[in-house]
PDB file of N, CA and C in Angstrom:
ATOM      1  N   MET A   1       0.840  -1.246   0.231  1.00  0.00           N
ATOM      2  CA  MET A   1      -0.148   0.037  -0.013  1.00  0.00           C
ATOM      3  C   MET A   1       0.929   1.252   0.015  1.00  0.00           C
ATOM      4  N   LYS A   2       2.100   1.034   0.636  1.00  0.00           N
ATOM      5  CA  LYS A   2       2.728   2.308   0.626  1.00  0.00           C
ATOM      6  C   LYS A   2       3.475   2.822  -0.526  1.00  0.00           C
ATOM      7  N   LYS A   3       3.822   1.770  -1.366  1.00  0.00           N
ATOM      8  CA  LYS A   3       4.398   2.130  -2.709  1.00  0.00           C
ATOM      9  C   LYS A   3       3.158   2.829  -3.675  1.00  0.00           C
ATOM     10  N   TYR A   4       2.123   2.540  -3.592  1.00  0.00           N
ATOM     11  CA  TYR A   4       0.975   3.307  -4.216  1.00  0.00           C
ATOM     12  C   TYR A   4       0.761   4.570  -3.747  1.00  0.00           C
ATOM     13  N   GLU A   5       0.837   4.748  -2.466  1.00  0.00           N
ATOM     14  CA  GLU A   5       0.665   6.056  -1.749  1.00  0.00           C
ATOM     15  C   GLU A   5       1.690   6.935  -2.155  1.00  0.00           C
ATOM     16  N   ASN A   6       2.998   6.467  -2.366  1.00  0.00           N
ATOM     17  CA  ASN A   6       4.273   7.273  -2.628  1.00  0.00           C
ATOM     18  C   ASN A   6       3.942   7.668  -4.253  1.00  0.00           C
ATOM     19  N   LEU A   7       3.537   6.638  -5.133  1.00  0.00           N
ATOM     20  CA  LEU A   7       3.364   7.016  -6.306  1.00  0.00           C
ATOM     21  C   LEU A   7       2.215   8.029  -6.891  1.00  0.00           C
ATOM     22  N   ALA A   8       1.064   7.937  -5.776  1.00  0.00           N
ATOM     23  CA  ALA A   8       0.233   8.953  -5.952  1.00  0.00           C
ATOM     24  C   ALA A   8       0.800  10.248  -5.411  1.00  0.00           C
ATOM     25  N   ARG A   9       1.421  10.459  -4.563  1.00  0.00           N
ATOM     26  CA  ARG A   9       2.097  11.770  -4.239  1.00  0.00           C
ATOM     27  C   ARG A   9       2.909  12.226  -5.332  1.00  0.00           C
ATOM     28  N   ALA A  10       3.671  11.190  -5.927  1.00  0.00           N
ATOM     29  CA  ALA A  10       4.519  11.797  -6.987  1.00  0.00           C
ATOM     30  C   ALA A  10       3.677  12.441  -8.107  1.00  0.00           C
ATOM     31  N   PHE A  11       2.459  11.702  -8.623  1.00  0.00           N
ATOM     32  CA  PHE A  11       1.490  12.161  -9.489  1.00  0.00           C
ATOM     33  C   PHE A  11       1.075  13.532  -8.931  1.00  0.00           C
ATOM     34  N   TYR A  12       0.699  13.898  -7.870  1.00  0.00           N
ATOM     35  CA  TYR A  12       0.035  14.958  -7.373  1.00  0.00           C
ATOM     36  C   TYR A  12       1.168  16.206  -7.552  1.00  0.00           C
ATOM     37  N   ASP A  13       2.683  15.967  -7.279  1.00  0.00           N
ATOM     38  CA  ASP A  13       3.661  16.662  -7.422  1.00  0.00           C
ATOM     39  C   ASP A  13       3.733  17.116  -8.921  1.00  0.00           C
ATOM     40  N   ILE A  14       3.778  15.989  -9.897  1.00  0.00           N
ATOM     41  CA  ILE A  14       3.793  16.201 -11.195  1.00  0.00           C
ATOM     42  C   ILE A  14       2.764  17.148 -11.801  1.00  0.00           C
ATOM     43  N   GLY A  15       1.558  16.916 -11.230  1.00  0.00           N
ATOM     44  CA  GLY A  15       0.541  17.827 -11.535  1.00  0.00           C
ATOM     45  C   GLY A  15       0.530  19.285 -11.003  1.00  0.00           C
ATOM     46  N   LYS A  16       1.235  19.465  -9.954  1.00  0.00           N
ATOM     47  CA  LYS A  16       1.334  20.785  -9.550  1.00  0.00           C
ATOM     48  C   LYS A  16       2.338  21.596 -10.153  1.00  0.00           C
ATOM     49  N   TYR A  17       3.450  20.907 -10.546  1.00  0.00           N
ATOM     50  CA  TYR A  17       4.441  21.342 -11.190  1.00  0.00           C
ATOM     51  C   TYR A  17       4.159  21.681 -12.743  1.00  0.00           C
ATOM     52  N   ALA A  18       3.337  20.934 -13.506  1.00  0.00           N
ATOM     53  CA  ALA A  18       2.638  21.155 -14.710  1.00  0.00           C
ATOM     54  C   ALA A  18       1.830  22.469 -14.655  1.00  0.00           C
ATOM     55  N   PHE A  19       0.866  22.603 -13.640  1.00  0.00           N
ATOM     56  CA  PHE A  19       0.087  23.580 -13.682  1.00  0.00           C
ATOM     57  C   PHE A  19       0.865  24.812 -13.595  1.00  0.00           C
ATOM     58  N   THR A  20       1.699  24.740 -12.676  1.00  0.00           N
ATOM     59  CA  THR A  20       2.618  26.064 -12.496  1.00  0.00           C
ATOM     60  C   THR A  20       3.402  26.526 -13.642  1.00  0.00           C
ATOM     61  N   ALA A  21       4.033  25.431 -14.245  1.00  0.00           N
ATOM     62  CA  ALA A  21       4.880  25.622 -15.492  1.00  0.00           C
ATOM     63  C   ALA A  21       3.981  26.190 -16.674  1.00  0.00           C
ATOM     64  N   LEU A  22       2.910  25.662 -17.036  1.00  0.00           N
ATOM     65  CA  LEU A  22       2.161  25.560 -18.287  1.00  0.00           C
ATOM     66  C   LEU A  22       1.119  26.628 -17.976  1.00  0.00           C
ATOM     67  N   VAL A  23       0.465  26.781 -16.959  1.00  0.00           N
ATOM     68  CA  VAL A  23      -0.751  27.592 -16.893  1.00  0.00           C
ATOM     69  C   VAL A  23      -0.410  29.094 -16.216  1.00  0.00           C
ATOM     70  N   VAL A  24       0.293  28.987 -14.848  1.00  0.00           N
ATOM     71  CA  VAL A  24       0.548  30.126 -14.395  1.00  0.00           C
ATOM     72  C   VAL A  24       1.760  30.884 -15.085  1.00  0.00           C
ATOM     73  N   GLY A  25       2.564  30.156 -15.714  1.00  0.00           N
ATOM     74  CA  GLY A  25       3.780  30.614 -16.601  1.00  0.00           C
ATOM     75  C   GLY A  25       3.002  31.423 -17.668  1.00  0.00           C
ATOM     76  N   GLN A  26       1.965  31.117 -18.312  1.00  0.00           N
ATOM     77  CA  GLN A  26       1.364  31.879 -19.528  1.00  0.00           C
ATOM     78  C   GLN A  26       0.746  33.118 -19.158  1.00  0.00           C
ATOM     79  N   PHE A  27       0.459  33.347 -17.780  1.00  0.00           N
ATOM     80  CA  PHE A  27       0.067  34.581 -17.380  1.00  0.00           C
ATOM     81  C   PHE A  27       1.322  35.640 -17.161  1.00  0.00           C
ATOM     82  N   ILE A  28       2.389  35.010 -16.930  1.00  0.00           N
ATOM     83  CA  ILE A  28       3.599  35.717 -16.620  1.00  0.00           C
ATOM     84  C   ILE A  28       4.284  36.278 -17.943  1.00  0.00           C
ATOM     85  N   ALA A  29       4.235  35.246 -18.873  1.00  0.00           N
ATOM     86  CA  ALA A  29       5.083  35.500 -20.005  1.00  0.00           C
ATOM     87  C   ALA A  29       4.405  36.545 -20.791  1.00  0.00           C
ATOM     88  N   GLU A  30       5.111  37.201 -21.697  1.00  0.00           N
ATOM     89  CA  GLU A  30       4.803  38.367 -22.607  1.00  0.00           C
ATOM     90  C   GLU A  30       3.724  38.026 -23.702  1.00  0.00           C
ATOM     91  N   LYS A  31       3.774  36.654 -24.101  1.00  0.00           N
ATOM     92  CA  LYS A  31       2.916  36.091 -24.981  1.00  0.00           C
ATOM     93  C   LYS A  31       1.989  35.081 -24.757  1.00  0.00           C
ATOM     94  N   PHE A  32       0.957  35.199 -24.461  1.00  0.00           N
ATOM     95  CA  PHE A  32       0.022  34.215 -24.010  1.00  0.00           C
ATOM     96  C   PHE A  32      -0.489  33.291 -25.209  1.00  0.00           C
ATOM     97  N   SER A  33      -0.375  31.920 -24.843  1.00  0.00           N
ATOM     98  CA  SER A  33      -0.789  30.841 -25.623  1.00  0.00           C
ATOM     99  C   SER A  33      -1.996  30.000 -25.246  1.00  0.00           C
ATOM    100  N   LEU A  34      -3.094  30.086 -25.881  1.00  0.00           N
ATOM    101  CA  LEU A  34      -4.147  29.453 -25.396  1.00  0.00           C
ATOM    102  C   LEU A  34      -3.915  27.676 -25.307  1.00  0.00           C
ATOM    103  N   ASN A  35      -3.167  27.322 -26.322  1.00  0.00           N
ATOM    104  CA  ASN A  35      -2.894  25.898 -26.490  1.00  0.00           C
ATOM    105  C   ASN A  35      -2.246  25.380 -25.429  1.00  0.00           C
ATOM    106  N   ALA A  36      -1.175  26.251 -24.982  1.00  0.00           N
ATOM    107  CA  ALA A  36      -0.404  25.767 -23.740  1.00  0.00           C
ATOM    108  C   ALA A  36      -0.959  25.824 -22.484  1.00  0.00           C
ATOM    109  N   THR A  37      -1.994  26.693 -22.440  1.00  0.00           N
ATOM    110  CA  THR A  37      -2.776  26.874 -21.191  1.00  0.00           C
ATOM    111  C   THR A  37      -3.801  25.720 -21.115  1.00  0.00           C
ATOM    112  N   LEU A  38      -4.360  25.466 -22.298  1.00  0.00           N
ATOM    113  CA  LEU A  38      -5.188  24.138 -22.274  1.00  0.00           C
ATOM    114  C   LEU A  38      -4.606  22.953 -21.968  1.00  0.00           C
ATOM    115  N   ALA A  39      -3.227  22.705 -22.540  1.00  0.00           N
ATOM    116  CA  ALA A  39      -2.660  21.563 -22.416  1.00  0.00           C
ATOM    117  C   ALA A  39      -2.165  21.283 -21.176  1.00  0.00           C
ATOM    118  N   GLY A  40      -1.610  22.593 -20.385  1.00  0.00           N
ATOM    119  CA  GLY A  40      -1.453  22.460 -18.942  1.00  0.00           C
ATOM    120  C   GLY A  40      -2.514  22.039 -18.023  1.00  0.00           C
ATOM    121  N   ILE A  41      -3.619  22.491 -18.359  1.00  0.00           N
ATOM    122  CA  ILE A  41      -4.937  22.063 -17.593  1.00  0.00           C
ATOM    123  C   ILE A  41      -5.266  20.671 -17.832  1.00  0.00           C
ATOM    124  N   SER A  42      -5.205  20.325 -18.999  1.00  0.00           N
ATOM    125  CA  SER A  42      -5.596  18.782 -19.169  1.00  0.00           C
ATOM    126  C   SER A  42      -4.605  17.835 -18.630  1.00  0.00           C
ATOM    127  N   PHE A  43      -3.241  18.339 -18.567  1.00  0.00           N
ATOM    128  CA  PHE A  43      -2.134  17.397 -18.050  1.00  0.00           C
ATOM    129  C   PHE A  43      -2.415  17.429 -16.551  1.00  0.00           C
ATOM    130  N   THR A  44      -2.663  18.568 -16.083  1.00  0.00           N
ATOM    131  CA  THR A  44      -2.923  18.582 -14.381  1.00  0.00           C
ATOM    132  C   THR A  44      -4.120  17.684 -14.027  1.00  0.00           C
ATOM    133  N   VAL A  45      -5.154  17.826 -14.927  1.00  0.00           N
ATOM    134  CA  VAL A  45      -6.318  16.957 -14.475  1.00  0.00           C
ATOM    135  C   VAL A  45      -6.019  15.582 -14.688  1.00  0.00           C
ATOM    136  N   SER A  46      -5.335  15.263 -15.721  1.00  0.00           N
ATOM    137  CA  SER A  46      -5.174  13.638 -15.824  1.00  0.00           C
ATOM    138  C   SER A  46      -4.103  13.297 -14.729  1.00  0.00           C
ATOM    139  N   ALA A  47      -3.170  14.154 -14.379  1.00  0.00           N
ATOM    140  CA  ALA A  47      -2.106  13.719 -13.227  1.00  0.00           C
ATOM    141  C   ALA A  47      -2.993  13.575 -11.969  1.00  0.00           C
ATOM    142  N   PHE A  48      -3.900  14.581 -11.596  1.00  0.00           N
ATOM    143  CA  PHE A  48      -4.507  14.381 -10.551  1.00  0.00           C
ATOM    144  C   PHE A  48      -5.636  13.233 -10.487  1.00  0.00           C
ATOM    145  N   SER A  49      -6.197  12.904 -11.545  1.00  0.00           N
ATOM    146  CA  SER A  49      -7.036  11.807 -11.749  1.00  0.00           C
ATOM    147  C   SER A  49      -6.263  10.453 -11.511  1.00  0.00           C
ATOM    148  N   ALA A  50      -5.039  10.332 -12.112  1.00  0.00           N
ATOM    149  CA  ALA A  50      -4.207   9.238 -11.857  1.00  0.00           C
ATOM    150  C   ALA A  50      -3.904   8.868 -10.330  1.00  0.00           C
ATOM    151  N   ALA A  51      -3.390  10.107  -9.688  1.00  0.00           N
ATOM    152  CA  ALA A  51      -3.043  10.054  -8.351  1.00  0.00           C
ATOM    153  C   ALA A  51      -4.307   9.736  -7.498  1.00  0.00           C
ATOM    154  N   LEU A  52      -5.666   9.999  -7.837  1.00  0.00           N
ATOM    155  CA  LEU A  52      -6.696   9.611  -7.070  1.00  0.00           C
ATOM    156  C   LEU A  52      -7.015   8.119  -7.214  1.00  0.00           C
ATOM    157  N   ILE A  53      -6.933   7.876  -8.338  1.00  0.00           N
ATOM    158  CA  ILE A  53      -7.184   6.272  -8.772  1.00  0.00           C
ATOM    159  C   ILE A  53      -6.097   5.443  -7.826  1.00  0.00           C
ATOM    160  N   LEU A  54      -4.688   6.010  -8.007  1.00  0.00           N
ATOM    161  CA  LEU A  54      -3.680   5.188  -7.145  1.00  0.00           C
ATOM    162  C   LEU A  54      -3.926   5.140  -5.708  1.00  0.00           C
ATOM    163  N   GLU A  55      -4.665   6.210  -5.174  1.00  0.00           N
ATOM    164  CA  GLU A  55      -4.837   6.275  -3.762  1.00  0.00           C
ATOM    165  C   GLU A  55      -5.866   5.370  -3.408  1.00  0.00           C
ATOM    166  N   LYS A  56      -6.874   4.909  -4.380  1.00  0.00           N
ATOM    167  CA  LYS A  56      -7.863   3.859  -4.167  1.00  0.00           C
ATOM    168  C   LYS A  56      -7.633   2.387  -4.021  1.00  0.00           C
ATOM    169  N   VAL A  57      -6.201   2.242  -4.772  1.00  0.00           N
ATOM    170  CA  VAL A  57      -5.828   0.821  -4.805  1.00  0.00           C
ATOM    171  C   VAL A  57      -5.482   0.151  -3.743  1.00  0.00           C
ATOM    172  N   LYS A  58      -5.997  -0.904  -3.265  1.00  0.00           N
ATOM    173  CA  LYS A  58      -5.609  -1.737  -2.275  1.00  0.00           C
ATOM    174  C   LYS A  58      -4.663  -2.740  -2.446  1.00  0.00           C
ATOM    175  N   GLU A  59      -3.568  -2.812  -1.670  1.00  0.00           N
ATOM    176  CA  GLU A  59      -2.576  -3.912  -2.020  1.00  0.00           C
ATOM    177  C   GLU A  59      -3.009  -5.116  -1.409  1.00  0.00           C
ATOM    178  N   GLU A  60      -2.976  -6.111  -1.812  1.00  0.00           N
ATOM    179  CA  GLU A  60      -3.245  -7.590  -1.313  1.00  0.00           C
ATOM    180  C   GLU A  60      -2.283  -8.175  -0.740  1.00  0.00           C
TER     181      GLU A  60
END
């Protein structure tokens, strides 16, 4: 169970970093790219979804 929890934490961290780099970075940059923002949001949602699924896995 511990390895799935650690993997879920890693996915949470990856999602947070992707959100920071791709979404928040677009608002800081001089040139705004809607495609990069949407890609960052979708990657963040998929990473958080994977982390939630991993948290629910029960090791037997």
